[in-house]
């Protein structure tokens, strides 16, 4: 039994002493999805009807939650967030690094 405890202790110690390595990539918001920064997107304050008329039907919609109620619409390259019935913010979709040209993984 003492041998098992000693072995478990040594294995635990080996795990703690093994250094962990990770690559950290820092990008400012302006650098993210740089190829899509100039893409036309819904502007803050637009109504749902204006967004639909100008950008077409969304791929998916999420019902409003919270107070104030926040809902979202998904388009091919971005998400549109609404507060009540007006655009609050538009967020570009993430494209993995190295896949920006193809959009595929």
PDB file of N, CA and C in Angstrom:
ATOM      1  N   UNK A   1       0.827  -1.191   0.000  1.00  0.00           N
ATOM      2  CA  UNK A   1       0.000   0.000   0.000  1.00  0.00           C
ATOM      3  C   UNK A   1       0.870   1.252   0.000  1.00  0.00           C
ATOM      4  N   UNK A   2       1.926   1.263   0.768  1.00  0.00           N
ATOM      5  CA  UNK A   2       2.826   2.406   0.813  1.00  0.00           C
ATOM      6  C   UNK A   2       3.473   2.652  -0.535  1.00  0.00           C
ATOM      7  N   UNK A   3       3.729   1.567  -1.275  1.00  0.00           N
ATOM      8  CA  UNK A   3       4.331   1.695  -2.603  1.00  0.00           C
ATOM      9  C   UNK A   3       3.362   2.374  -3.577  1.00  0.00           C
ATOM     10  N   UNK A   4       2.061   2.033  -3.449  1.00  0.00           N
ATOM     11  CA  UNK A   4       1.042   2.649  -4.313  1.00  0.00           C
ATOM     12  C   UNK A   4       0.930   4.146  -4.031  1.00  0.00           C
ATOM     13  N   UNK A   5       0.934   4.512  -2.783  1.00  0.00           N
ATOM     14  CA  UNK A   5       0.839   5.921  -2.410  1.00  0.00           C
ATOM     15  C   UNK A   5       2.048   6.686  -2.931  1.00  0.00           C
ATOM     16  N   UNK A   6       3.228   6.092  -2.769  1.00  0.00           N
ATOM     17  CA  UNK A   6       4.448   6.735  -3.252  1.00  0.00           C
ATOM     18  C   UNK A   6       4.415   6.902  -4.769  1.00  0.00           C
ATOM     19  N   UNK A   7       3.928   5.874  -5.480  1.00  0.00           N
ATOM     20  CA  UNK A   7       3.835   5.940  -6.942  1.00  0.00           C
ATOM     21  C   UNK A   7       2.842   7.020  -7.357  1.00  0.00           C
ATOM     22  N   UNK A   8       1.682   7.055  -6.709  1.00  0.00           N
ATOM     23  CA  UNK A   8       0.668   8.068  -7.018  1.00  0.00           C
ATOM     24  C   UNK A   8       1.215   9.467  -6.744  1.00  0.00           C
ATOM     25  N   UNK A   9       1.932   9.618  -5.632  1.00  0.00           N
ATOM     26  CA  UNK A   9       2.526  10.904  -5.291  1.00  0.00           C
ATOM     27  C   UNK A   9       3.527  11.343  -6.350  1.00  0.00           C
ATOM     28  N   UNK A  10       4.371  10.431  -6.788  1.00  0.00           N
ATOM     29  CA  UNK A  10       5.391  10.759  -7.790  1.00  0.00           C
ATOM     30  C   UNK A  10       4.752  11.115  -9.144  1.00  0.00           C
ATOM     31  N   UNK A  11       3.689  10.389  -9.515  1.00  0.00           N
ATOM     32  CA  UNK A  11       3.013  10.690 -10.775  1.00  0.00           C
ATOM     33  C   UNK A  11       2.346  12.067 -10.704  1.00  0.00           C
ATOM     34  N   UNK A  12       1.729  12.351  -9.571  1.00  0.00           N
ATOM     35  CA  UNK A  12       1.113  13.660  -9.381  1.00  0.00           C
ATOM     36  C   UNK A  12       2.149  14.769  -9.427  1.00  0.00           C
ATOM     37  N   UNK A  13       3.281  14.532  -8.787  1.00  0.00           N
ATOM     38  CA  UNK A  13       4.358  15.500  -8.786  1.00  0.00           C
ATOM     39  C   UNK A  13       4.897  15.728 -10.200  1.00  0.00           C
ATOM     40  N   UNK A  14       5.000  14.666 -10.982  1.00  0.00           N
ATOM     41  CA  UNK A  14       5.477  14.782 -12.357  1.00  0.00           C
ATOM     42  C   UNK A  14       4.519  15.631 -13.197  1.00  0.00           C
ATOM     43  N   UNK A  15       3.229  15.454 -12.955  1.00  0.00           N
ATOM     44  CA  UNK A  15       2.234  16.247 -13.702  1.00  0.00           C
ATOM     45  C   UNK A  15       2.326  17.722 -13.344  1.00  0.00           C
ATOM     46  N   UNK A  16       2.525  18.013 -12.080  1.00  0.00           N
ATOM     47  CA  UNK A  16       2.610  19.394 -11.624  1.00  0.00           C
ATOM     48  C   UNK A  16       3.880  20.057 -12.145  1.00  0.00           C
ATOM     49  N   UNK A  17       4.945  19.309 -12.223  1.00  0.00           N
ATOM     50  CA  UNK A  17       6.231  19.875 -12.621  1.00  0.00           C
ATOM     51  C   UNK A  17       6.389  19.978 -14.134  1.00  0.00           C
ATOM     52  N   UNK A  18       5.509  19.329 -14.902  1.00  0.00           N
ATOM     53  CA  UNK A  18       5.592  19.399 -16.355  1.00  0.00           C
ATOM     54  C   UNK A  18       5.072  20.754 -16.807  1.00  0.00           C
ATOM     55  N   UNK A  19       5.884  21.526 -17.493  1.00  0.00           N
ATOM     56  CA  UNK A  19       5.421  22.852 -17.918  1.00  0.00           C
ATOM     57  C   UNK A  19       4.365  22.734 -19.015  1.00  0.00           C
ATOM     58  N   UNK A  20       3.381  23.597 -18.953  1.00  0.00           N
ATOM     59  CA  UNK A  20       2.345  23.658 -19.980  1.00  0.00           C
ATOM     60  C   UNK A  20       2.737  24.728 -20.991  1.00  0.00           C
ATOM     61  N   UNK A  21       2.454  24.452 -22.244  1.00  0.00           N
ATOM     62  CA  UNK A  21       2.787  25.396 -23.305  1.00  0.00           C
ATOM     63  C   UNK A  21       1.534  25.709 -24.097  1.00  0.00           C
ATOM     64  N   UNK A  22       1.360  26.954 -24.417  1.00  0.00           N
ATOM     65  CA  UNK A  22       0.247  27.377 -25.254  1.00  0.00           C
ATOM     66  C   UNK A  22       0.681  28.596 -26.049  1.00  0.00           C
ATOM     67  N   UNK A  23       0.203  28.662 -27.267  1.00  0.00           N
ATOM     68  CA  UNK A  23       0.486  29.816 -28.103  1.00  0.00           C
ATOM     69  C   UNK A  23      -0.594  30.862 -27.858  1.00  0.00           C
ATOM     70  N   UNK A  24      -0.206  32.076 -27.635  1.00  0.00           N
ATOM     71  CA  UNK A  24      -1.151  33.164 -27.415  1.00  0.00           C
ATOM     72  C   UNK A  24      -1.094  34.084 -28.621  1.00  0.00           C
ATOM     73  N   UNK A  25      -2.249  34.274 -29.237  1.00  0.00           N
ATOM     74  CA  UNK A  25      -2.336  35.149 -30.395  1.00  0.00           C
ATOM     75  C   UNK A  25      -3.215  36.327 -30.010  1.00  0.00           C
ATOM     76  N   UNK A  26      -2.672  37.521 -30.110  1.00  0.00           N
ATOM     77  CA  UNK A  26      -3.430  38.721 -29.760  1.00  0.00           C
ATOM     78  C   UNK A  26      -3.703  39.523 -31.016  1.00  0.00           C
ATOM     79  N   UNK A  27      -4.983  39.802 -31.244  1.00  0.00           N
ATOM     80  CA  UNK A  27      -5.403  40.629 -32.361  1.00  0.00           C
ATOM     81  C   UNK A  27      -6.306  41.727 -31.838  1.00  0.00           C
ATOM     82  N   UNK A  28      -6.090  42.921 -32.312  1.00  0.00           N
ATOM     83  CA  UNK A  28      -7.015  43.985 -31.938  1.00  0.00           C
ATOM     84  C   UNK A  28      -8.315  43.766 -32.692  1.00  0.00           C
ATOM     85  N   UNK A  29      -9.376  44.361 -32.215  1.00  0.00           N
ATOM     86  CA  UNK A  29     -10.680  44.199 -32.848  1.00  0.00           C
ATOM     87  C   UNK A  29     -10.626  44.610 -34.312  1.00  0.00           C
ATOM     88  N   UNK A  30      -9.882  45.648 -34.628  1.00  0.00           N
ATOM     89  CA  UNK A  30      -9.774  46.126 -36.003  1.00  0.00           C
ATOM     90  C   UNK A  30      -9.094  45.150 -36.937  1.00  0.00           C
ATOM     91  N   UNK A  31      -8.288  44.239 -36.399  1.00  0.00           N
ATOM     92  CA  UNK A  31      -7.590  43.256 -37.226  1.00  0.00           C
ATOM     93  C   UNK A  31      -8.414  41.997 -37.469  1.00  0.00           C
ATOM     94  N   UNK A  32      -9.439  41.781 -36.680  1.00  0.00           N
ATOM     95  CA  UNK A  32     -10.248  40.582 -36.813  1.00  0.00           C
ATOM     96  C   UNK A  32     -11.111  40.676 -38.055  1.00  0.00           C
ATOM     97  N   UNK A  33     -11.142  39.594 -38.831  1.00  0.00           N
ATOM     98  CA  UNK A  33     -11.936  39.527 -40.065  1.00  0.00           C
ATOM     99  C   UNK A  33     -11.664  40.735 -40.953  1.00  0.00           C
ATOM    100  N   UNK A  34     -10.396  41.070 -41.115  1.00  0.00           N
ATOM    101  CA  UNK A  34     -10.025  42.276 -41.860  1.00  0.00           C
ATOM    102  C   UNK A  34     -10.567  42.280 -43.287  1.00  0.00           C
ATOM    103  N   UNK A  35     -10.699  41.099 -43.893  1.00  0.00           N
ATOM    104  CA  UNK A  35     -11.208  41.035 -45.259  1.00  0.00           C
ATOM    105  C   UNK A  35     -12.698  41.376 -45.343  1.00  0.00           C
ATOM    106  N   UNK A  36     -13.383  41.396 -44.192  1.00  0.00           N
ATOM    107  CA  UNK A  36     -14.820  41.699 -44.175  1.00  0.00           C
ATOM    108  C   UNK A  36     -15.144  43.061 -43.560  1.00  0.00           C
ATOM    109  N   UNK A  37     -14.148  43.814 -43.129  1.00  0.00           N
ATOM    110  CA  UNK A  37     -14.396  45.075 -42.439  1.00  0.00           C
ATOM    111  C   UNK A  37     -15.166  46.075 -43.295  1.00  0.00           C
ATOM    112  N   UNK A  38     -14.960  46.052 -44.600  1.00  0.00           N
ATOM    113  CA  UNK A  38     -15.627  47.018 -45.475  1.00  0.00           C
ATOM    114  C   UNK A  38     -16.975  46.521 -45.989  1.00  0.00           C
ATOM    115  N   UNK A  39     -17.360  45.306 -45.620  1.00  0.00           N
ATOM    116  CA  UNK A  39     -18.629  44.734 -46.058  1.00  0.00           C
ATOM    117  C   UNK A  39     -19.801  45.575 -45.546  1.00  0.00           C
ATOM    118  N   UNK A  40     -20.778  45.781 -46.394  1.00  0.00           N
ATOM    119  CA  UNK A  40     -21.963  46.528 -45.973  1.00  0.00           C
ATOM    120  C   UNK A  40     -22.763  45.673 -44.992  1.00  0.00           C
ATOM    121  N   UNK A  41     -23.108  46.274 -43.868  1.00  0.00           N
ATOM    122  CA  UNK A  41     -23.862  45.589 -42.821  1.00  0.00           C
ATOM    123  C   UNK A  41     -24.937  46.531 -42.301  1.00  0.00           C
ATOM    124  N   UNK A  42     -25.961  45.986 -41.640  1.00  0.00           N
ATOM    125  CA  UNK A  42     -26.978  46.855 -41.044  1.00  0.00           C
ATOM    126  C   UNK A  42     -26.349  47.839 -40.058  1.00  0.00           C
ATOM    127  N   UNK A  43     -26.863  49.041 -40.065  1.00  0.00           N
ATOM    128  CA  UNK A  43     -26.359  50.110 -39.186  1.00  0.00           C
ATOM    129  C   UNK A  43     -27.210  50.214 -37.928  1.00  0.00           C
ATOM    130  N   UNK A  44     -26.586  50.689 -36.862  1.00  0.00           N
ATOM    131  CA  UNK A  44     -27.314  50.904 -35.608  1.00  0.00           C
ATOM    132  C   UNK A  44     -28.529  51.784 -35.857  1.00  0.00           C
ATOM    133  N   UNK A  45     -29.650  51.410 -35.231  1.00  0.00           N
ATOM    134  CA  UNK A  45     -30.862  52.196 -35.338  1.00  0.00           C
ATOM    135  C   UNK A  45     -31.798  51.793 -36.461  1.00  0.00           C
ATOM    136  N   UNK A  46     -31.338  50.934 -37.399  1.00  0.00           N
ATOM    137  CA  UNK A  46     -32.225  50.467 -38.465  1.00  0.00           C
ATOM    138  C   UNK A  46     -33.322  49.595 -37.862  1.00  0.00           C
ATOM    139  N   UNK A  47     -34.512  49.634 -38.442  1.00  0.00           N
ATOM    140  CA  UNK A  47     -35.607  48.780 -37.975  1.00  0.00           C
ATOM    141  C   UNK A  47     -35.470  47.383 -38.583  1.00  0.00           C
ATOM    142  N   UNK A  48     -36.187  46.428 -38.020  1.00  0.00           N
ATOM    143  CA  UNK A  48     -36.188  45.063 -38.577  1.00  0.00           C
ATOM    144  C   UNK A  48     -36.664  45.087 -40.028  1.00  0.00           C
ATOM    145  N   UNK A  49     -37.702  45.863 -40.292  1.00  0.00           N
ATOM    146  CA  UNK A  49     -38.232  45.947 -41.662  1.00  0.00           C
ATOM    147  C   UNK A  49     -37.189  46.514 -42.627  1.00  0.00           C
ATOM    148  N   UNK A  50     -36.439  47.524 -42.191  1.00  0.00           N
ATOM    149  CA  UNK A  50     -35.388  48.095 -43.043  1.00  0.00           C
ATOM    150  C   UNK A  50     -34.291  47.068 -43.308  1.00  0.00           C
ATOM    151  N   UNK A  51     -33.899  46.329 -42.268  1.00  0.00           N
ATOM    152  CA  UNK A  51     -32.852  45.307 -42.432  1.00  0.00           C
ATOM    153  C   UNK A  51     -33.331  44.241 -43.411  1.00  0.00           C
ATOM    154  N   UNK A  52     -34.538  43.764 -43.222  1.00  0.00           N
ATOM    155  CA  UNK A  52     -35.085  42.719 -44.090  1.00  0.00           C
ATOM    156  C   UNK A  52     -35.181  43.220 -45.542  1.00  0.00           C
ATOM    157  N   UNK A  53     -35.636  44.452 -45.739  1.00  0.00           N
ATOM    158  CA  UNK A  53     -35.780  45.001 -47.088  1.00  0.00           C
ATOM    159  C   UNK A  53     -34.429  45.172 -47.782  1.00  0.00           C
ATOM    160  N   UNK A  54     -33.411  45.568 -47.036  1.00  0.00           N
ATOM    161  CA  UNK A  54     -32.106  45.859 -47.637  1.00  0.00           C
ATOM    162  C   UNK A  54     -31.199  44.628 -47.730  1.00  0.00           C
ATOM    163  N   UNK A  55     -31.260  43.732 -46.723  1.00  0.00           N
ATOM    164  CA  UNK A  55     -30.323  42.604 -46.656  1.00  0.00           C
ATOM    165  C   UNK A  55     -30.986  41.248 -46.869  1.00  0.00           C
ATOM    166  N   UNK A  56     -32.305  41.224 -47.003  1.00  0.00           N
ATOM    167  CA  UNK A  56     -33.010  39.973 -47.246  1.00  0.00           C
ATOM    168  C   UNK A  56     -33.355  39.236 -45.965  1.00  0.00           C
ATOM    169  N   UNK A  57     -33.915  38.060 -46.148  1.00  0.00           N
ATOM    170  CA  UNK A  57     -34.317  37.240 -45.007  1.00  0.00           C
ATOM    171  C   UNK A  57     -33.084  36.671 -44.299  1.00  0.00           C
ATOM    172  N   UNK A  58     -33.098  36.635 -42.977  1.00  0.00           N
ATOM    173  CA  UNK A  58     -31.977  36.031 -42.246  1.00  0.00           C
ATOM    174  C   UNK A  58     -31.984  34.507 -42.399  1.00  0.00           C
ATOM    175  N   UNK A  59     -30.816  33.902 -42.191  1.00  0.00           N
ATOM    176  CA  UNK A  59     -30.719  32.438 -42.218  1.00  0.00           C
ATOM    177  C   UNK A  59     -31.432  31.838 -41.014  1.00  0.00           C
ATOM    178  N   UNK A  60     -31.261  32.463 -39.855  1.00  0.00           N
ATOM    179  CA  UNK A  60     -31.875  32.019 -38.599  1.00  0.00           C
ATOM    180  C   UNK A  60     -32.218  33.239 -37.763  1.00  0.00           C
ATOM    181  N   UNK A  61     -33.175  33.058 -36.864  1.00  0.00           N
ATOM    182  CA  UNK A  61     -33.518  34.124 -35.921  1.00  0.00           C
ATOM    183  C   UNK A  61     -33.543  33.547 -34.517  1.00  0.00           C
ATOM    184  N   UNK A  62     -33.239  34.392 -33.546  1.00  0.00           N
ATOM    185  CA  UNK A  62     -33.306  34.015 -32.136  1.00  0.00           C
ATOM    186  C   UNK A  62     -34.303  34.954 -31.468  1.00  0.00           C
ATOM    187  N   UNK A  63     -35.226  34.369 -30.728  1.00  0.00           N
ATOM    188  CA  UNK A  63     -36.260  35.162 -30.061  1.00  0.00           C
ATOM    189  C   UNK A  63     -35.641  36.079 -29.007  1.00  0.00           C
ATOM    190  N   UNK A  64     -36.352  37.151 -28.710  1.00  0.00           N
ATOM    191  CA  UNK A  64     -35.892  38.128 -27.726  1.00  0.00           C
ATOM    192  C   UNK A  64     -35.860  37.531 -26.322  1.00  0.00           C
ATOM    193  N   UNK A  65     -34.809  37.886 -25.575  1.00  0.00           N
ATOM    194  CA  UNK A  65     -34.669  37.486 -24.172  1.00  0.00           C
ATOM    195  C   UNK A  65     -34.220  38.695 -23.367  1.00  0.00           C
ATOM    196  N   UNK A  66     -34.565  38.686 -22.078  1.00  0.00           N
ATOM    197  CA  UNK A  66     -34.080  39.719 -21.165  1.00  0.00           C
ATOM    198  C   UNK A  66     -34.905  40.979 -21.167  1.00  0.00           C
ATOM    199  N   UNK A  67     -34.414  41.929 -20.396  1.00  0.00           N
ATOM    200  CA  UNK A  67     -35.057  43.231 -20.282  1.00  0.00           C
ATOM    201  C   UNK A  67     -33.970  44.299 -20.286  1.00  0.00           C
ATOM    202  N   UNK A  68     -33.758  45.058 -21.326  1.00  0.00           N
ATOM    203  CA  UNK A  68     -34.600  45.134 -22.509  1.00  0.00           C
ATOM    204  C   UNK A  68     -34.464  43.862 -23.364  1.00  0.00           C
ATOM    205  N   UNK A  69     -35.495  43.560 -24.168  1.00  0.00           N
ATOM    206  CA  UNK A  69     -35.456  42.342 -24.978  1.00  0.00           C
ATOM    207  C   UNK A  69     -34.431  42.454 -26.110  1.00  0.00           C
ATOM    208  N   UNK A  70     -33.514  41.481 -26.152  1.00  0.00           N
ATOM    209  CA  UNK A  70     -32.478  41.432 -27.193  1.00  0.00           C
ATOM    210  C   UNK A  70     -32.719  40.187 -28.037  1.00  0.00           C
ATOM    211  N   UNK A  71     -32.817  40.375 -29.344  1.00  0.00           N
ATOM    212  CA  UNK A  71     -32.979  39.258 -30.274  1.00  0.00           C
ATOM    213  C   UNK A  71     -31.856  39.338 -31.301  1.00  0.00           C
ATOM    214  N   UNK A  72     -31.704  38.273 -32.091  1.00  0.00           N
ATOM    215  CA  UNK A  72     -30.656  38.302 -33.111  1.00  0.00           C
ATOM    216  C   UNK A  72     -31.105  37.606 -34.382  1.00  0.00           C
ATOM    217  N   UNK A  73     -30.511  38.042 -35.469  1.00  0.00           N
ATOM    218  CA  UNK A  73     -30.700  37.429 -36.777  1.00  0.00           C
ATOM    219  C   UNK A  73     -29.326  37.020 -37.279  1.00  0.00           C
ATOM    220  N   UNK A  74     -29.258  35.858 -37.897  1.00  0.00           N
ATOM    221  CA  UNK A  74     -28.003  35.372 -38.469  1.00  0.00           C
ATOM    222  C   UNK A  74     -28.037  35.504 -39.983  1.00  0.00           C
ATOM    223  N   UNK A  75     -26.977  36.106 -40.517  1.00  0.00           N
ATOM    224  CA  UNK A  75     -26.765  36.172 -41.962  1.00  0.00           C
ATOM    225  C   UNK A  75     -25.488  35.381 -42.269  1.00  0.00           C
ATOM    226  N   UNK A  76     -25.155  35.238 -43.530  1.00  0.00           N
ATOM    227  CA  UNK A  76     -24.012  34.408 -43.920  1.00  0.00           C
ATOM    228  C   UNK A  76     -22.703  34.847 -43.263  1.00  0.00           C
ATOM    229  N   UNK A  77     -22.453  36.146 -43.159  1.00  0.00           N
ATOM    230  CA  UNK A  77     -21.169  36.638 -42.661  1.00  0.00           C
ATOM    231  C   UNK A  77     -21.224  37.375 -41.336  1.00  0.00           C
ATOM    232  N   UNK A  78     -22.413  37.561 -40.782  1.00  0.00           N
ATOM    233  CA  UNK A  78     -22.523  38.343 -39.547  1.00  0.00           C
ATOM    234  C   UNK A  78     -23.828  38.032 -38.813  1.00  0.00           C
ATOM    235  N   UNK A  79     -23.890  38.510 -37.578  1.00  0.00           N
ATOM    236  CA  UNK A  79     -25.093  38.451 -36.755  1.00  0.00           C
ATOM    237  C   UNK A  79     -25.561  39.883 -36.516  1.00  0.00           C
ATOM    238  N   UNK A  80     -26.869  40.069 -36.504  1.00  0.00           N
ATOM    239  CA  UNK A  80     -27.444  41.377 -36.211  1.00  0.00           C
ATOM    240  C   UNK A  80     -28.204  41.258 -34.899  1.00  0.00           C
ATOM    241  N   UNK A  81     -27.878  42.117 -33.940  1.00  0.00           N
ATOM    242  CA  UNK A  81     -28.547  42.107 -32.635  1.00  0.00           C
ATOM    243  C   UNK A  81     -29.499  43.292 -32.558  1.00  0.00           C
ATOM    244  N   UNK A  82     -30.717  43.006 -32.119  1.00  0.00           N
ATOM    245  CA  UNK A  82     -31.759  44.019 -32.006  1.00  0.00           C
ATOM    246  C   UNK A  82     -32.131  44.241 -30.552  1.00  0.00           C
ATOM    247  N   UNK A  83     -32.359  45.488 -30.192  1.00  0.00           N
ATOM    248  CA  UNK A  83     -32.962  45.841 -28.908  1.00  0.00           C
ATOM    249  C   UNK A  83     -34.324  46.399 -29.251  1.00  0.00           C
ATOM    250  N   UNK A  84     -35.359  45.746 -28.715  1.00  0.00           N
ATOM    251  CA  UNK A  84     -36.721  46.013 -29.165  1.00  0.00           C
ATOM    252  C   UNK A  84     -36.726  45.739 -30.670  1.00  0.00           C
ATOM    253  N   UNK A  85     -37.034  46.677 -31.510  1.00  0.00           N
ATOM    254  CA  UNK A  85     -37.084  46.432 -32.948  1.00  0.00           C
ATOM    255  C   UNK A  85     -35.996  47.131 -33.725  1.00  0.00           C
ATOM    256  N   UNK A  86     -34.965  47.636 -33.051  1.00  0.00           N
ATOM    257  CA  UNK A  86     -33.923  48.409 -33.728  1.00  0.00           C
ATOM    258  C   UNK A  86     -32.556  47.737 -33.601  1.00  0.00           C
ATOM    259  N   UNK A  87     -31.725  47.886 -34.651  1.00  0.00           N
ATOM    260  CA  UNK A  87     -30.378  47.306 -34.631  1.00  0.00           C
ATOM    261  C   UNK A  87     -29.571  47.932 -33.507  1.00  0.00           C
ATOM    262  N   UNK A  88     -29.033  47.071 -32.671  1.00  0.00           N
ATOM    263  CA  UNK A  88     -28.176  47.487 -31.571  1.00  0.00           C
ATOM    264  C   UNK A  88     -26.710  47.363 -31.979  1.00  0.00           C
ATOM    265  N   UNK A  89     -26.391  46.244 -32.686  1.00  0.00           N
ATOM    266  CA  UNK A  89     -25.003  45.973 -33.048  1.00  0.00           C
ATOM    267  C   UNK A  89     -24.969  44.898 -34.133  1.00  0.00           C
ATOM    268  N   UNK A  90     -23.941  44.928 -34.964  1.00  0.00           N
ATOM    269  CA  UNK A  90     -23.705  43.884 -35.961  1.00  0.00           C
ATOM    270  C   UNK A  90     -22.319  43.307 -35.699  1.00  0.00           C
ATOM    271  N   UNK A  91     -22.222  41.976 -35.660  1.00  0.00           N
ATOM    272  CA  UNK A  91     -20.960  41.301 -35.334  1.00  0.00           C
ATOM    273  C   UNK A  91     -20.584  40.356 -36.468  1.00  0.00           C
ATOM    274  N   UNK A  92     -19.366  40.536 -36.992  1.00  0.00           N
ATOM    275  CA  UNK A  92     -18.869  39.639 -38.037  1.00  0.00           C
ATOM    276  C   UNK A  92     -18.651  38.245 -37.465  1.00  0.00           C
ATOM    277  N   UNK A  93     -18.895  37.223 -38.282  1.00  0.00           N
ATOM    278  CA  UNK A  93     -18.659  35.844 -37.855  1.00  0.00           C
ATOM    279  C   UNK A  93     -17.161  35.567 -37.846  1.00  0.00           C
ATOM    280  N   UNK A  94     -16.764  34.698 -36.969  1.00  0.00           N
ATOM    281  CA  UNK A  94     -15.367  34.290 -36.856  1.00  0.00           C
ATOM    282  C   UNK A  94     -14.977  33.416 -38.044  1.00  0.00           C
ATOM    283  N   UNK A  95     -13.826  33.697 -38.620  1.00  0.00           N
ATOM    284  CA  UNK A  95     -13.238  32.845 -39.653  1.00  0.00           C
ATOM    285  C   UNK A  95     -11.899  32.373 -39.101  1.00  0.00           C
ATOM    286  N   UNK A  96     -11.713  31.048 -38.918  1.00  0.00           N
ATOM    287  CA  UNK A  96     -10.461  30.554 -38.359  1.00  0.00           C
ATOM    288  C   UNK A  96      -9.249  31.052 -39.152  1.00  0.00           C
ATOM    289  N   UNK A  97      -8.156  31.330 -38.436  1.00  0.00           N
ATOM    290  CA  UNK A  97      -6.914  31.788 -39.068  1.00  0.00           C
ATOM    291  C   UNK A  97      -6.460  30.720 -40.054  1.00  0.00           C
ATOM    292  N   UNK A  98      -6.043  31.153 -41.239  1.00  0.00           N
ATOM    293  CA  UNK A  98      -5.594  30.216 -42.263  1.00  0.00           C
ATOM    294  C   UNK A  98      -6.725  29.811 -43.196  1.00  0.00           C
ATOM    295  N   UNK A  99      -7.972  30.065 -42.794  1.00  0.00           N
ATOM    296  CA  UNK A  99      -9.115  29.708 -43.603  1.00  0.00           C
ATOM    297  C   UNK A  99      -9.838  30.939 -44.128  1.00  0.00           C
ATOM    298  N   UNK A 100      -9.239  32.095 -43.985  1.00  0.00           N
ATOM    299  CA  UNK A 100      -9.901  33.334 -44.370  1.00  0.00           C
ATOM    300  C   UNK A 100     -10.228  33.346 -45.864  1.00  0.00           C
ATOM    301  N   UNK A 101      -9.349  32.780 -46.690  1.00  0.00           N
ATOM    302  CA  UNK A 101      -9.584  32.814 -48.138  1.00  0.00           C
ATOM    303  C   UNK A 101     -10.698  31.877 -48.559  1.00  0.00           C
ATOM    304  N   UNK A 102     -10.772  30.707 -47.930  1.00  0.00           N
ATOM    305  CA  UNK A 102     -11.766  29.720 -48.333  1.00  0.00           C
ATOM    306  C   UNK A 102     -12.999  29.721 -47.462  1.00  0.00           C
ATOM    307  N   UNK A 103     -12.854  30.163 -46.201  1.00  0.00           N
ATOM    308  CA  UNK A 103     -13.963  30.126 -45.275  1.00  0.00           C
ATOM    309  C   UNK A 103     -14.266  28.724 -44.798  1.00  0.00           C
ATOM    310  N   UNK A 104     -13.360  27.775 -45.117  1.00  0.00           N
ATOM    311  CA  UNK A 104     -13.587  26.383 -44.728  1.00  0.00           C
ATOM    312  C   UNK A 104     -12.510  25.926 -43.763  1.00  0.00           C
ATOM    313  N   UNK A 105     -12.865  24.884 -43.015  1.00  0.00           N
ATOM    314  CA  UNK A 105     -11.908  24.330 -42.045  1.00  0.00           C
ATOM    315  C   UNK A 105     -11.189  23.151 -42.627  1.00  0.00           C
TER     316      UNK A 105
END
